C-alpha cells in the first residue's frame, strides 16, 4: 500500500491516479495518444529504479 495525502492506495491505484493527474495537467480532453505515451515514458523513467529487472525480463519474455 502507498499512503498519499493521508489515503492508502494499492500500487496500481496510485500509478493510475498519477496518470489521470498528468492528463488533467495537460488540459486537453481527450488527450492525444502521443501525449499519453510521452507521459507514461516519463513516469517509467522516474520509477525505473523501483522495477525489479529480473521480474521485468520474465514478464517481457512471457509476453512474447
C-alpha atoms as a PDB file:
ATOM      1  CA  UNK A   1       0.000   0.000   0.000  1.00  0.00           C
ATOM      2  CA  UNK A   2       1.079   3.544  -0.733  1.00  0.00           C
ATOM      3  CA  UNK A   3      -0.046   6.350   1.518  1.00  0.00           C
ATOM      4  CA  UNK A   4      -0.588   9.556  -0.439  1.00  0.00           C
ATOM      5  CA  UNK A   5      -2.056  12.664   1.145  1.00  0.00           C
ATOM      6  CA  UNK A   6      -3.476  10.631   4.022  1.00  0.00           C
ATOM      7  CA  UNK A   7      -5.147   7.969   1.879  1.00  0.00           C
ATOM      8  CA  UNK A   8      -3.974   4.404   1.215  1.00  0.00           C
ATOM      9  CA  UNK A   9      -3.711   3.179  -2.370  1.00  0.00           C
ATOM     10  CA  UNK A  10      -2.536  -0.043  -3.960  1.00  0.00           C
ATOM     11  CA  UNK A  11       0.388   0.481  -6.351  1.00  0.00           C
ATOM     12  CA  UNK A  12      -1.953   0.118  -9.337  1.00  0.00           C
ATOM     13  CA  UNK A  13      -4.401   2.683  -7.956  1.00  0.00           C
ATOM     14  CA  UNK A  14      -1.582   5.095  -7.127  1.00  0.00           C
ATOM     15  CA  UNK A  15       0.037   4.940 -10.569  1.00  0.00           C
ATOM     16  CA  UNK A  16      -3.380   5.153 -12.234  1.00  0.00           C
ATOM     17  CA  UNK A  17      -4.044   8.280 -10.175  1.00  0.00           C
ATOM     18  CA  UNK A  18      -0.718   9.751 -11.311  1.00  0.00           C
ATOM     19  CA  UNK A  19      -1.643   9.091 -14.936  1.00  0.00           C
ATOM     20  CA  UNK A  20      -5.009  10.812 -14.501  1.00  0.00           C
ATOM     21  CA  UNK A  21      -3.343  13.804 -12.813  1.00  0.00           C
ATOM     22  CA  UNK A  22      -0.864  14.074 -15.679  1.00  0.00           C
ATOM     23  CA  UNK A  23      -3.741  14.041 -18.181  1.00  0.00           C
ATOM     24  CA  UNK A  24      -5.582  16.727 -16.233  1.00  0.00           C
ATOM     25  CA  UNK A  25      -2.480  18.922 -16.179  1.00  0.00           C
ATOM     26  CA  UNK A  26      -2.382  18.954 -19.980  1.00  0.00           C
ATOM     27  CA  UNK A  27      -5.892  20.469 -20.048  1.00  0.00           C
ATOM     28  CA  UNK A  28      -6.554  18.505 -23.210  1.00  0.00           C
ATOM     29  CA  UNK A  29      -9.527  16.160 -23.353  1.00  0.00           C
ATOM     30  CA  UNK A  30      -9.423  13.754 -24.971  1.00  0.00           C
ATOM     31  CA  UNK A  31      -5.654  13.593 -24.546  1.00  0.00           C
ATOM     32  CA  UNK A  32      -3.798  12.739 -27.763  1.00  0.00           C
ATOM     33  CA  UNK A  33      -2.195   9.291 -27.779  1.00  0.00           C
ATOM     34  CA  UNK A  34       1.254  10.820 -28.377  1.00  0.00           C
ATOM     35  CA  UNK A  35       0.977  12.950 -25.206  1.00  0.00           C
ATOM     36  CA  UNK A  36      -0.160   9.944 -23.144  1.00  0.00           C
ATOM     37  CA  UNK A  37       2.758   7.852 -24.384  1.00  0.00           C
ATOM     38  CA  UNK A  38       5.222  10.644 -23.569  1.00  0.00           C
ATOM     39  CA  UNK A  39       3.788  10.998 -20.036  1.00  0.00           C
ATOM     40  CA  UNK A  40       3.902   7.232 -19.461  1.00  0.00           C
ATOM     41  CA  UNK A  41       7.508   7.097 -20.723  1.00  0.00           C
ATOM     42  CA  UNK A  42       8.460   9.894 -18.322  1.00  0.00           C
ATOM     43  CA  UNK A  43       6.777   8.068 -15.413  1.00  0.00           C
ATOM     44  CA  UNK A  44       8.559   4.841 -16.371  1.00  0.00           C
ATOM     45  CA  UNK A  45      11.946   6.577 -16.319  1.00  0.00           C
ATOM     46  CA  UNK A  46      11.199   8.192 -12.944  1.00  0.00           C
ATOM     47  CA  UNK A  47      10.289   4.821 -11.432  1.00  0.00           C
ATOM     48  CA  UNK A  48      12.889   2.672 -13.199  1.00  0.00           C
ATOM     49  CA  UNK A  49      14.882   2.157 -10.002  1.00  0.00           C
ATOM     50  CA  UNK A  50      11.768   0.650  -8.348  1.00  0.00           C
ATOM     51  CA  UNK A  51      11.362  -2.050 -11.006  1.00  0.00           C
ATOM     52  CA  UNK A  52      12.864  -5.472 -10.381  1.00  0.00           C
ATOM     53  CA  UNK A  53      14.901  -6.014 -13.571  1.00  0.00           C
ATOM     54  CA  UNK A  54      14.727  -9.812 -13.430  1.00  0.00           C
ATOM     55  CA  UNK A  55      10.945  -9.764 -12.942  1.00  0.00           C
ATOM     56  CA  UNK A  56      10.620  -7.316 -15.853  1.00  0.00           C
ATOM     57  CA  UNK A  57      12.666  -9.604 -18.117  1.00  0.00           C
ATOM     58  CA  UNK A  58      10.474 -12.596 -17.177  1.00  0.00           C
ATOM     59  CA  UNK A  59       7.380 -10.524 -17.996  1.00  0.00           C
ATOM     60  CA  UNK A  60       8.799  -9.415 -21.372  1.00  0.00           C
ATOM     61  CA  UNK A  61       9.701 -12.996 -22.333  1.00  0.00           C
ATOM     62  CA  UNK A  62       6.276 -14.250 -21.214  1.00  0.00           C
ATOM     63  CA  UNK A  63       4.549 -11.628 -23.399  1.00  0.00           C
ATOM     64  CA  UNK A  64       6.492 -12.850 -26.468  1.00  0.00           C
END
